[in-house]
């Protein structure tokens, strides 16, 4: 009997090292993705970006992916050129876009000839303007336009990286801990959200002088690190292919007809639509969450130690203790060690929340968002690997999503004036929302290989990401427009000089944008019910364990 070939992916330590490289790259990109989100108020007071300008710029991230179909081409590049080439390419594209965005918000841009040109041009985009999908509009600040251009380019790179990482995990973990690996990657990557919320305002206000470009510069440095992670992964992946004898390029080249095969799958469409609804209720919300809390909470900024820069570092270290202890407890086989790690995580979480309360800033409160997800995502991924029930988890996630957005819309405002009560409600709701978000990577992404042929997985992920990007382009823009339309009194007061831009930025009523996001959760719940019924009828295997299903396919 021939001995089975031992490769890098057969070595658990090396396999998980490859995952760590991919996860760290996505961690850095997630930070840059929301780098301006916690300083929306500063962008309005220092750069003149109202909610419509802010939302249009944030939505620009996915503009080229949606309307120039870049993600479809990214999927083709991935299928033809392979994981490692596409990973390095995506890192380079992200960095280029990041540099452009940095220049747009820097002092060097103010008063430049480029600012004058963008002020006088791109105010009317034929075709796009008539359809209501233009990435620019008349009156949009020039800095927001250029930042949007950079964000478009970054968006091409980050979404290409997303499908590449998903494909890379399938390559290294197929037949093994696929859902656990995907869940763990997203758990680490989403720590980028907390990192962004803590450090973006920190750098913007460093030294007592507000300068928003410092936050973006911090993000650009991290994009350089992401590119380096992809380069290291390149050589690991190349060595794996040398061991297996597999060619990075596909023997059977991609054909346009492959897209037809994917689109003909009813299960694929349900998963894709679930994805766009669910992610549209989360990612656009992240971009406004800090400002929403500023408008609904009675915050008392700390003094002395609590207002200093050192507390930022200490709170971040406490957050890392929460993340590391809760995450590693999932892999501990010693019961006593597992209990100890979880106890340390809970104690650190309480300390973290207390520090956020004492600091009295919305960004440090919202930074708790991914922490519960870090703890339970590996648990959920491991459960899907061994027990299944992916479709059921998506339904539970949708229910939690609806509950959280309605709480933000109607319950949180009732605690305005209650400093402690409002913060407690906010913390609980944010933690639950983060937990619901963890259900998606653990349950949805590992289901895609069950719906399409292995040869076109890259294209399948690309199509899902493209459909998802429609929502990620539309809803940041819609939230901004709805905010301005439903808060006309605030805008009128600011224009009349009755309140300044800084006060106006923290005086919005967020009820209707949040109701809109809750409706997305309702639609996702309905689709989840349909998906479970279709899975039962067609035996797609979504409710079956991943490891068993993949073994049967092998």
Protein backbone atom coordinates (compact mmCIF):
# COMPACT_ATOMS: atom_id res chain seq x y z
CA UNK A 1 0.00 0.00 0.00
CA UNK A 2 1.46 3.37 -1.06
CA UNK A 3 2.17 5.75 1.81
CA UNK A 4 0.18 8.97 1.61
CA UNK A 5 2.23 12.01 0.56
CA UNK A 6 2.99 14.30 3.50
CA UNK A 7 2.82 18.00 2.57
CA UNK A 8 2.93 21.32 4.38
CA UNK A 9 -0.82 21.31 4.84
CA UNK A 10 -0.62 17.91 6.57
CA UNK A 11 1.41 19.64 9.30
CA UNK A 12 -1.08 21.37 11.60
CA UNK A 13 1.40 24.01 12.79
CA UNK A 14 2.37 25.05 9.26
CA UNK A 15 -1.25 24.90 8.06
CA UNK A 16 -2.32 27.27 10.82
CA UNK A 17 0.70 29.49 10.21
CA UNK A 18 -0.49 29.97 6.64
CA UNK A 19 -3.89 30.88 8.02
CA UNK A 20 -2.29 33.36 10.45
CA UNK A 21 -0.52 35.16 7.61
CA UNK A 22 -3.78 35.53 5.69
CA UNK A 23 -5.68 36.58 8.82
CA UNK A 24 -3.11 39.22 9.79
CA UNK A 25 -3.29 40.71 6.30
CA UNK A 26 -7.09 40.93 6.58
CA UNK A 27 -6.73 42.34 10.12
CA UNK A 28 -4.72 45.24 8.71
CA UNK A 29 -7.13 45.79 5.81
CA UNK A 30 -10.16 45.80 8.16
CA UNK A 31 -8.54 48.58 10.17
CA UNK A 32 -8.10 50.75 7.07
CA UNK A 33 -11.60 49.92 5.83
CA UNK A 34 -13.16 51.76 8.79
CA UNK A 35 -10.33 54.15 9.57
CA UNK A 36 -12.56 57.25 9.26
CA UNK A 37 -15.68 55.70 10.83
CA UNK A 38 -14.93 56.65 14.47
CA UNK A 39 -14.02 60.22 13.48
CA UNK A 40 -17.07 61.07 11.35
CA UNK A 41 -17.70 64.08 13.58
CA UNK A 42 -14.13 65.33 13.05
CA UNK A 43 -14.45 64.92 9.27
CA UNK A 44 -17.50 67.19 9.42
CA UNK A 45 -15.93 69.81 11.68
CA UNK A 46 -12.45 69.87 10.04
CA UNK A 47 -13.12 68.98 6.39
CA UNK A 48 -16.74 70.01 5.90
CA UNK A 49 -18.07 66.50 5.15
CA UNK A 50 -21.79 66.31 5.96
CA UNK A 51 -23.52 62.93 6.28
CA UNK A 52 -24.23 62.73 2.55
CA UNK A 53 -20.59 63.41 1.65
CA UNK A 54 -19.37 60.97 4.30
CA UNK A 55 -21.79 58.26 3.17
CA UNK A 56 -20.98 58.78 -0.52
CA UNK A 57 -17.26 58.49 0.19
CA UNK A 58 -17.76 55.35 2.32
CA UNK A 59 -19.95 53.74 -0.32
CA UNK A 60 -17.31 54.47 -2.98
CA UNK A 61 -15.25 51.58 -1.59
CA UNK A 62 -17.32 49.12 -3.60
CA UNK A 63 -18.21 51.33 -6.60
CA UNK A 64 -15.74 49.82 -9.10
CA UNK A 65 -16.46 46.32 -7.83
CA UNK A 66 -20.17 46.77 -8.53
CA UNK A 67 -20.39 48.95 -11.63
CA UNK A 68 -17.18 48.02 -13.43
CA UNK A 69 -17.59 44.35 -12.38
CA UNK A 70 -14.05 44.31 -11.02
CA UNK A 71 -14.87 41.52 -8.57
CA UNK A 72 -15.94 39.27 -11.43
CA UNK A 73 -12.57 39.88 -13.08
CA UNK A 74 -10.89 39.29 -9.72
CA UNK A 75 -12.52 35.88 -9.55
CA UNK A 76 -11.31 35.06 -13.05
CA UNK A 77 -7.78 36.23 -12.14
CA UNK A 78 -7.92 34.05 -9.03
CA UNK A 79 -9.05 30.97 -10.94
CA UNK A 80 -6.49 31.49 -13.72
CA UNK A 81 -3.48 32.82 -11.79
CA UNK A 82 -3.98 31.16 -8.40
CA UNK A 83 -4.03 32.21 -4.78
CA UNK A 84 -0.51 33.50 -4.25
CA UNK A 85 -0.33 35.82 -7.29
CA UNK A 86 -3.76 37.29 -6.54
CA UNK A 87 -2.90 37.75 -2.86
CA UNK A 88 0.18 39.87 -3.61
CA UNK A 89 -1.69 41.80 -6.31
CA UNK A 90 -4.54 42.59 -3.91
CA UNK A 91 -2.07 43.82 -1.27
CA UNK A 92 -0.42 46.18 -3.75
CA UNK A 93 -3.76 47.55 -4.98
CA UNK A 94 -4.92 48.20 -1.39
CA UNK A 95 -1.73 50.13 -0.65
CA UNK A 96 -2.07 52.33 -3.75
CA UNK A 97 -5.66 53.21 -2.84
CA UNK A 98 -4.67 53.89 0.75
CA UNK A 99 -1.95 56.34 -0.29
CA UNK A 100 -4.41 58.28 -2.45
CA UNK A 101 -6.92 58.48 0.41
CA UNK A 102 -4.19 59.69 2.74
CA UNK A 103 -3.25 62.52 0.38
CA UNK A 104 -6.91 63.53 0.06
CA UNK A 105 -7.34 64.18 3.79
CA UNK A 106 -3.85 65.58 4.38
CA UNK A 107 -3.01 69.27 4.80
CA UNK A 108 -0.97 69.09 1.59
CA UNK A 109 -4.21 68.69 -0.37
CA UNK A 110 -5.79 71.84 1.05
CA UNK A 111 -5.29 74.74 -1.35
CA UNK A 112 -3.61 72.59 -4.00
CA UNK A 113 -4.34 72.73 -7.69
CA UNK A 114 -5.83 69.25 -7.44
CA UNK A 115 -8.33 70.50 -4.86
CA UNK A 116 -9.37 73.28 -7.25
CA UNK A 117 -9.74 70.83 -10.15
CA UNK A 118 -11.86 68.39 -8.19
CA UNK A 119 -14.01 71.23 -6.85
CA UNK A 120 -14.82 72.38 -10.39
CA UNK A 121 -15.07 68.95 -12.03
CA UNK A 122 -16.78 65.58 -11.62
CA UNK A 123 -19.95 67.31 -10.45
CA UNK A 124 -21.96 65.58 -13.16
CA UNK A 125 -21.32 62.02 -14.32
CA UNK A 126 -23.38 61.26 -17.48
CA UNK A 127 -25.48 58.14 -17.16
CA UNK A 128 -24.60 57.46 -13.54
CA UNK A 129 -26.18 60.75 -12.44
CA UNK A 130 -29.47 59.91 -14.18
CA UNK A 131 -29.53 56.48 -12.53
CA UNK A 132 -28.78 58.01 -9.14
CA UNK A 133 -25.61 55.96 -8.64
CA UNK A 134 -22.89 58.58 -9.27
CA UNK A 135 -19.90 58.39 -6.92
CA UNK A 136 -19.68 62.21 -6.86
CA UNK A 137 -22.18 65.07 -6.83
CA UNK A 138 -22.19 68.84 -7.12
CA UNK A 139 -21.20 70.43 -3.83
CA UNK A 140 -19.28 67.38 -2.59
CA UNK A 141 -16.04 68.53 -0.95
CA UNK A 142 -13.00 67.99 -3.18
CA UNK A 143 -11.20 66.11 -0.40
CA UNK A 144 -14.14 63.70 -0.18
CA UNK A 145 -14.03 63.15 -3.96
CA UNK A 146 -10.33 62.29 -4.00
CA UNK A 147 -10.71 60.16 -0.87
CA UNK A 148 -13.52 58.35 -2.70
CA UNK A 149 -11.20 57.67 -5.66
CA UNK A 150 -8.60 56.20 -3.32
CA UNK A 151 -11.25 54.20 -1.48
CA UNK A 152 -12.52 52.79 -4.79
CA UNK A 153 -9.06 51.47 -5.59
CA UNK A 154 -8.59 50.17 -2.05
CA UNK A 155 -12.00 48.50 -2.32
CA UNK A 156 -10.90 46.60 -5.42
CA UNK A 157 -7.88 45.30 -3.53
CA UNK A 158 -9.63 44.42 -0.27
CA UNK A 159 -12.47 42.52 -1.93
CA UNK A 160 -9.98 40.69 -4.15
CA UNK A 161 -8.10 39.84 -0.96
CA UNK A 162 -11.31 38.59 0.62
CA UNK A 163 -12.07 36.03 -2.09
CA UNK A 164 -8.38 35.09 -2.26
CA UNK A 165 -8.20 34.40 1.46
CA UNK A 166 -11.38 32.33 1.30
CA UNK A 167 -9.96 30.32 -1.58
CA UNK A 168 -6.61 29.98 0.22
CA UNK A 169 -8.31 28.56 3.31
CA UNK A 170 -10.20 26.03 1.21
CA UNK A 171 -6.89 25.06 -0.44
CA UNK A 172 -5.08 24.51 2.87
CA UNK A 173 -7.97 23.14 4.97
CA UNK A 174 -10.27 21.22 2.60
CA UNK A 175 -11.27 17.94 4.28
CA UNK A 176 -10.09 19.32 7.61
CA UNK A 177 -11.26 22.17 9.86
CA UNK A 178 -12.62 24.42 7.09
CA UNK A 179 -15.31 26.24 9.11
CA UNK A 180 -13.06 26.53 12.17
CA UNK A 181 -10.32 28.01 9.99
CA UNK A 182 -12.66 30.50 8.31
CA UNK A 183 -14.23 31.45 11.61
CA UNK A 184 -10.83 31.89 13.25
CA UNK A 185 -9.58 34.03 10.35
CA UNK A 186 -12.59 36.31 10.61
CA UNK A 187 -12.32 36.43 14.41
CA UNK A 188 -8.78 37.75 14.17
CA UNK A 189 -9.55 40.01 11.22
CA UNK A 190 -12.46 41.60 13.07
CA UNK A 191 -10.20 42.60 15.90
CA UNK A 192 -9.24 45.19 13.31
CA UNK A 193 -12.60 46.86 13.95
CA UNK A 194 -11.81 47.30 17.65
CA UNK A 195 -8.25 48.40 16.86
CA UNK A 196 -9.57 50.99 14.44
CA UNK A 197 -12.15 52.32 16.91
CA UNK A 198 -9.52 52.73 19.62
CA UNK A 199 -6.56 54.05 17.65
CA UNK A 200 -8.10 56.14 14.85
CA UNK A 201 -9.35 58.84 17.27
CA UNK A 202 -6.16 58.40 19.30
CA UNK A 203 -3.95 59.41 16.37
CA UNK A 204 -6.37 62.09 15.15
CA UNK A 205 -6.24 63.84 18.55
CA UNK A 206 -2.63 63.05 19.42
CA UNK A 207 -0.82 65.91 21.15
CA UNK A 208 -4.02 67.87 21.66
CA UNK A 209 -4.12 69.00 18.00
CA UNK A 210 -6.77 67.48 15.76
CA UNK A 211 -5.36 66.17 12.47
CA UNK A 212 -7.42 63.47 10.75
CA UNK A 213 -4.67 62.56 8.27
CA UNK A 214 -2.66 60.95 11.08
CA UNK A 215 -5.36 58.30 11.44
CA UNK A 216 -5.18 57.47 7.73
CA UNK A 217 -1.37 57.40 7.87
CA UNK A 218 -1.64 54.79 10.63
CA UNK A 219 -3.85 52.73 8.33
CA UNK A 220 -1.42 53.06 5.41
CA UNK A 221 1.43 51.68 7.54
CA UNK A 222 -0.73 48.66 8.32
CA UNK A 223 -1.46 48.16 4.61
CA UNK A 224 2.31 47.92 4.08
CA UNK A 225 2.37 45.17 6.71
CA UNK A 226 -0.53 43.41 4.97
CA UNK A 227 1.41 43.37 1.71
CA UNK A 228 4.40 41.84 3.50
CA UNK A 229 2.16 39.12 4.99
CA UNK A 230 0.92 38.24 1.50
CA UNK A 231 4.48 38.09 0.17
CA UNK A 232 5.50 35.64 2.91
CA UNK A 233 2.39 33.58 2.16
CA UNK A 234 3.40 33.58 -1.52
CA UNK A 235 6.52 31.55 -0.77
CA UNK A 236 4.70 29.15 1.57
CA UNK A 237 2.03 28.47 -1.02
CA UNK A 238 4.64 28.01 -3.76
CA UNK A 239 6.43 25.40 -1.67
CA UNK A 240 3.13 23.56 -1.08
CA UNK A 241 2.48 23.34 -4.82
CA UNK A 242 6.03 22.12 -5.37
CA UNK A 243 5.35 19.28 -2.91
CA UNK A 244 1.99 18.28 -4.36
CA UNK A 245 2.97 18.75 -7.99
CA UNK A 246 -0.08 20.97 -8.52
CA UNK A 247 0.23 23.85 -10.94
CA UNK A 248 -0.80 27.27 -9.66
CA UNK A 249 -2.49 27.96 -12.98
CA UNK A 250 -5.50 25.79 -13.79
CA UNK A 251 -5.14 23.00 -16.35
CA UNK A 252 -8.76 23.58 -17.32
CA UNK A 253 -8.94 27.33 -17.97
CA UNK A 254 -11.84 29.47 -16.83
CA UNK A 255 -14.74 29.79 -19.25
CA UNK A 256 -17.57 32.30 -19.22
CA UNK A 257 -19.97 29.35 -19.21
CA UNK A 258 -18.73 28.57 -15.69
CA UNK A 259 -20.57 31.65 -14.43
CA UNK A 260 -23.76 30.17 -15.88
CA UNK A 261 -23.21 26.99 -13.89
CA UNK A 262 -22.92 29.01 -10.70
CA UNK A 263 -25.93 31.22 -11.39
CA UNK A 264 -28.12 28.22 -12.20
CA UNK A 265 -27.84 27.00 -8.60
CA UNK A 266 -30.82 28.02 -6.48
CA UNK A 267 -28.86 27.33 -3.32
CA UNK A 268 -26.12 29.68 -4.50
CA UNK A 269 -28.59 32.51 -5.01
CA UNK A 270 -30.13 32.07 -1.57
CA UNK A 271 -26.69 32.12 0.07
CA UNK A 272 -25.63 35.15 -2.00
CA UNK A 273 -28.79 37.13 -1.17
CA UNK A 274 -28.48 36.20 2.49
CA UNK A 275 -24.94 37.49 2.37
CA UNK A 276 -25.83 40.85 0.83
CA UNK A 277 -28.69 41.44 3.26
CA UNK A 278 -26.73 40.44 6.33
CA UNK A 279 -23.53 42.28 5.51
CA UNK A 280 -25.46 45.38 4.40
CA UNK A 281 -26.96 45.57 7.88
CA UNK A 282 -23.53 45.31 9.55
CA UNK A 283 -20.69 46.93 7.59
CA UNK A 284 -22.51 50.20 6.69
CA UNK A 285 -23.69 50.38 10.31
CA UNK A 286 -20.08 50.15 11.52
CA UNK A 287 -19.27 53.29 9.57
CA UNK A 288 -21.90 55.27 11.50
CA UNK A 289 -22.02 53.36 14.81
CA UNK A 290 -19.70 55.67 16.74
CA UNK A 291 -21.60 58.75 15.61
CA UNK A 292 -24.90 57.00 16.46
CA UNK A 293 -23.65 56.43 20.01
CA UNK A 294 -22.44 60.05 20.24
CA UNK A 295 -25.96 61.16 19.35
CA UNK A 296 -27.79 58.79 21.73
CA UNK A 297 -25.58 58.51 24.80
CA UNK A 298 -24.93 60.99 27.57
CA UNK A 299 -21.15 60.83 27.69
CA UNK A 300 -18.91 62.41 30.30
CA UNK A 301 -15.34 62.48 28.92
CA UNK A 302 -12.83 61.45 31.56
CA UNK A 303 -10.24 63.73 33.10
CA UNK A 304 -6.68 63.23 34.26
CA UNK A 305 -5.53 59.65 33.66
CA UNK A 306 -8.74 58.81 31.78
CA UNK A 307 -8.12 61.61 29.29
CA UNK A 308 -4.45 60.78 28.70
CA UNK A 309 -2.85 58.86 25.87
CA UNK A 310 -1.48 56.07 28.05
CA UNK A 311 -4.97 54.78 28.89
CA UNK A 312 -5.51 54.05 25.20
CA UNK A 313 -2.59 51.64 25.14
CA UNK A 314 -3.62 50.04 28.44
CA UNK A 315 -7.22 49.53 27.28
CA UNK A 316 -6.03 48.00 24.04
CA UNK A 317 -3.79 45.58 25.94
CA UNK A 318 -6.76 44.61 28.12
CA UNK A 319 -8.75 44.02 24.93
CA UNK A 320 -6.01 41.73 23.65
CA UNK A 321 -6.21 39.75 26.90
CA UNK A 322 -9.95 39.30 26.31
CA UNK A 323 -9.38 38.21 22.73
CA UNK A 324 -6.41 35.90 23.34
CA UNK A 325 -7.85 34.17 26.43
CA UNK A 326 -11.32 33.67 24.97
CA UNK A 327 -9.97 32.52 21.61
CA UNK A 328 -7.35 30.08 22.94
CA UNK A 329 -9.83 28.60 25.43
CA UNK A 330 -11.52 26.99 22.43
CA UNK A 331 -8.40 24.95 21.72
CA UNK A 332 -7.52 23.94 25.26
CA UNK A 333 -8.11 20.25 25.93
CA UNK A 334 -7.55 20.64 29.68
CA UNK A 335 -10.88 21.45 31.36
CA UNK A 336 -9.31 23.44 34.19
CA UNK A 337 -7.17 25.45 31.78
CA UNK A 338 -10.24 26.18 29.64
CA UNK A 339 -12.20 27.42 32.68
CA UNK A 340 -9.25 29.57 33.82
CA UNK A 341 -8.86 31.15 30.37
CA UNK A 342 -12.57 31.93 30.13
CA UNK A 343 -12.56 33.40 33.64
CA UNK A 344 -9.62 35.65 32.73
CA UNK A 345 -11.42 36.69 29.54
CA UNK A 346 -14.59 37.63 31.46
CA UNK A 347 -12.66 39.59 34.09
CA UNK A 348 -10.67 41.41 31.41
CA UNK A 349 -13.89 42.18 29.50
CA UNK A 350 -15.45 43.75 32.62
CA UNK A 351 -12.29 45.83 33.14
CA UNK A 352 -12.30 46.83 29.47
CA UNK A 353 -15.94 47.98 29.63
CA UNK A 354 -15.28 49.90 32.85
CA UNK A 355 -12.35 51.68 31.20
CA UNK A 356 -14.54 52.56 28.22
CA UNK A 357 -17.16 54.00 30.56
CA UNK A 358 -14.61 56.03 32.49
CA UNK A 359 -13.06 57.39 29.30
CA UNK A 360 -16.53 58.52 28.21
CA UNK A 361 -15.97 58.25 24.45
CA UNK A 362 -18.28 56.54 21.96
CA UNK A 363 -15.45 54.95 19.98
CA UNK A 364 -14.08 53.08 23.03
CA UNK A 365 -17.59 51.81 23.79
CA UNK A 366 -18.22 50.52 20.27
CA UNK A 367 -14.76 48.93 20.17
CA UNK A 368 -16.23 46.07 22.24
CA UNK A 369 -18.12 45.01 19.07
CA UNK A 370 -15.91 42.10 17.92
CA UNK A 371 -14.83 40.73 21.32
CA UNK A 372 -17.68 38.26 21.91
CA UNK A 373 -17.40 37.24 18.26
CA UNK A 374 -13.73 36.37 18.81
CA UNK A 375 -14.74 34.07 21.66
CA UNK A 376 -17.59 32.23 19.97
CA UNK A 377 -16.66 32.19 16.28
CA UNK A 378 -14.24 29.25 16.68
CA UNK A 379 -16.90 27.44 18.74
CA UNK A 380 -19.48 27.95 16.01
CA UNK A 381 -17.02 26.99 13.28
CA UNK A 382 -16.06 23.82 15.12
CA UNK A 383 -19.75 23.01 15.64
CA UNK A 384 -20.52 23.42 11.92
CA UNK A 385 -17.50 21.24 11.06
CA UNK A 386 -18.63 18.40 13.30
CA UNK A 387 -22.41 18.85 13.76
CA UNK A 388 -23.64 20.98 10.85
CA UNK A 389 -26.74 23.22 11.14
CA UNK A 390 -25.27 26.08 9.06
CA UNK A 391 -28.66 27.22 7.69
CA UNK A 392 -30.17 27.23 11.19
CA UNK A 393 -27.31 29.41 12.46
CA UNK A 394 -27.97 31.96 9.74
CA UNK A 395 -31.59 32.22 10.89
CA UNK A 396 -30.50 32.78 14.50
CA UNK A 397 -28.04 35.43 13.35
CA UNK A 398 -30.81 37.27 11.48
CA UNK A 399 -33.07 37.28 14.56
CA UNK A 400 -30.30 38.75 16.71
CA UNK A 401 -29.58 41.34 14.02
CA UNK A 402 -33.20 42.53 14.01
CA UNK A 403 -33.31 42.69 17.81
CA UNK A 404 -30.11 44.74 18.06
CA UNK A 405 -30.98 47.36 15.45
CA UNK A 406 -34.45 47.88 16.94
CA UNK A 407 -32.86 48.25 20.38
CA UNK A 408 -30.53 50.94 19.03
CA UNK A 409 -33.49 52.66 17.31
CA UNK A 410 -36.09 52.70 20.09
CA UNK A 411 -34.67 51.60 23.46
CA UNK A 412 -31.23 53.25 23.60
CA UNK A 413 -32.62 56.81 23.04
CA UNK A 414 -34.85 56.33 26.10
CA UNK A 415 -31.71 56.26 28.24
CA UNK A 416 -30.54 59.65 27.03
CA UNK A 417 -29.63 61.49 30.20
CA UNK A 418 -28.79 58.30 32.10
CA UNK A 419 -25.03 58.05 31.83
CA UNK A 420 -24.73 54.55 33.31
CA UNK A 421 -27.96 53.05 31.91
CA UNK A 422 -27.29 54.14 28.35
CA UNK A 423 -23.74 52.76 28.35
CA UNK A 424 -24.89 49.41 29.81
CA UNK A 425 -27.60 49.03 27.16
CA UNK A 426 -25.11 50.02 24.46
CA UNK A 427 -22.48 47.50 25.65
CA UNK A 428 -24.93 44.59 25.81
CA UNK A 429 -26.45 45.36 22.42
CA UNK A 430 -23.07 45.83 20.74
CA UNK A 431 -21.77 42.53 22.14
CA UNK A 432 -24.85 40.64 20.96
CA UNK A 433 -24.62 42.26 17.51
CA UNK A 434 -20.99 41.18 17.26
CA UNK A 435 -21.96 37.64 18.29
CA UNK A 436 -24.63 37.51 15.58
CA UNK A 437 -22.06 38.65 13.04
CA UNK A 438 -19.84 35.69 13.93
CA UNK A 439 -22.50 33.29 12.66
CA UNK A 440 -21.90 34.34 9.05
CA UNK A 441 -18.24 33.32 8.52
CA UNK A 442 -18.76 30.17 10.56
CA UNK A 443 -21.89 29.08 8.70
CA UNK A 444 -22.14 30.80 5.32
CA UNK A 445 -18.66 30.84 3.74
CA UNK A 446 -17.86 27.14 4.34
CA UNK A 447 -21.16 26.28 2.63
CA UNK A 448 -20.10 27.65 -0.77
CA UNK A 449 -17.82 24.67 -1.67
CA UNK A 450 -20.88 22.44 -1.23
CA UNK A 451 -22.80 24.37 -3.87
CA UNK A 452 -20.28 24.64 -6.76
CA UNK A 453 -17.49 22.65 -8.38
CA UNK A 454 -14.04 23.07 -6.83
CA UNK A 455 -12.61 24.43 -10.11
CA UNK A 456 -14.81 27.52 -9.96
CA UNK A 457 -14.89 28.21 -6.23
CA UNK A 458 -12.92 31.43 -6.80
CA UNK A 459 -15.50 32.67 -9.27
CA UNK A 460 -18.34 31.62 -6.95
CA UNK A 461 -16.86 33.63 -4.08
CA UNK A 462 -16.30 36.52 -6.48
CA UNK A 463 -19.96 36.51 -7.54
CA UNK A 464 -21.13 36.42 -3.93
CA UNK A 465 -18.78 39.28 -3.04
CA UNK A 466 -19.99 41.23 -6.08
CA UNK A 467 -23.64 40.84 -5.04
CA UNK A 468 -22.63 41.71 -1.48
CA UNK A 469 -20.82 44.81 -2.73
CA UNK A 470 -24.04 46.18 -4.22
CA UNK A 471 -25.37 46.47 -0.69
CA UNK A 472 -22.09 47.75 0.71
CA UNK A 473 -22.10 50.52 -1.91
CA UNK A 474 -25.79 51.40 -1.55
CA UNK A 475 -26.44 51.43 2.20
CA UNK A 476 -23.66 53.75 3.45
CA UNK A 477 -24.94 56.23 0.89
CA UNK A 478 -28.58 55.64 1.89
CA UNK A 479 -27.85 56.00 5.60
CA UNK A 480 -26.14 59.34 4.94
CA UNK A 481 -29.01 60.61 2.79
CA UNK A 482 -31.68 59.43 5.24
CA UNK A 483 -29.79 61.09 8.11
CA UNK A 484 -29.69 64.42 6.31
CA UNK A 485 -33.34 64.18 5.16
CA UNK A 486 -34.67 63.25 8.61
CA UNK A 487 -32.51 65.78 10.45
CA UNK A 488 -33.19 68.85 8.35
CA UNK A 489 -33.72 70.90 11.51
CA UNK A 490 -30.15 70.18 12.64
CA UNK A 491 -28.78 71.16 9.23
CA UNK A 492 -30.88 74.35 9.16
CA UNK A 493 -29.64 75.37 12.61
CA UNK A 494 -26.04 74.79 11.56
CA UNK A 495 -26.50 76.78 8.33
CA UNK A 496 -28.11 79.60 10.31
CA UNK A 497 -25.15 79.70 12.68
CA UNK A 498 -27.25 78.68 15.70
CA UNK A 499 -25.03 75.65 16.34
CA UNK A 500 -21.52 74.88 15.15
CA UNK A 501 -20.53 71.95 12.93
CA UNK A 502 -19.14 69.99 15.89
CA UNK A 503 -22.45 70.22 17.80
CA UNK A 504 -24.44 69.37 14.67
CA UNK A 505 -22.33 66.25 14.08
CA UNK A 506 -23.47 64.79 17.42
CA UNK A 507 -27.14 65.86 17.26
CA UNK A 508 -28.59 63.49 14.65
CA UNK A 509 -31.65 61.29 15.18
CA UNK A 510 -30.73 57.79 13.91
CA UNK A 511 -34.15 56.13 14.26
CA UNK A 512 -35.04 55.73 10.58
CA UNK A 513 -31.63 54.54 9.34
CA UNK A 514 -31.68 51.88 12.08
CA UNK A 515 -35.22 50.80 11.17
CA UNK A 516 -34.05 50.44 7.58
CA UNK A 517 -31.21 48.15 8.72
CA UNK A 518 -33.61 46.11 10.87
CA UNK A 519 -35.75 45.53 7.77
CA UNK A 520 -32.72 43.99 6.09
CA UNK A 521 -32.56 41.55 9.00
CA UNK A 522 -36.22 40.64 8.49
CA UNK A 523 -35.57 39.92 4.81
CA UNK A 524 -32.50 37.84 5.75
CA UNK A 525 -34.59 35.81 8.23
CA UNK A 526 -37.18 35.04 5.54
CA UNK A 527 -34.44 33.92 3.14
CA UNK A 528 -32.87 31.81 5.88
CA UNK A 529 -36.16 29.97 6.37
CA UNK A 530 -36.43 29.39 2.61
CA UNK A 531 -32.79 28.23 2.43
CA UNK A 532 -33.36 25.65 5.16
CA UNK A 533 -36.43 24.34 3.33
CA UNK A 534 -34.55 24.14 0.00
CA UNK A 535 -31.60 22.42 1.68
CA UNK A 536 -33.92 19.78 3.12
CA UNK A 537 -35.66 19.23 -0.22
CA UNK A 538 -32.57 19.21 -2.47
CA UNK A 539 -30.13 17.74 0.07
CA UNK A 540 -27.52 20.47 -0.48
CA UNK A 541 -25.71 19.42 2.67
CA UNK A 542 -25.84 22.81 4.40
CA UNK A 543 -27.17 21.25 7.60
CA UNK A 544 -24.61 18.45 7.47
CA UNK A 545 -21.16 18.51 9.14
CA UNK A 546 -18.42 19.94 6.90
CA UNK A 547 -15.84 17.28 7.67
CA UNK A 548 -18.22 14.41 6.86
CA UNK A 549 -19.51 16.11 3.73
CA UNK A 550 -16.02 16.87 2.43
CA UNK A 551 -14.86 13.32 3.16
CA UNK A 552 -17.78 11.97 1.17
CA UNK A 553 -16.93 14.27 -1.74
CA UNK A 554 -13.27 13.23 -1.76
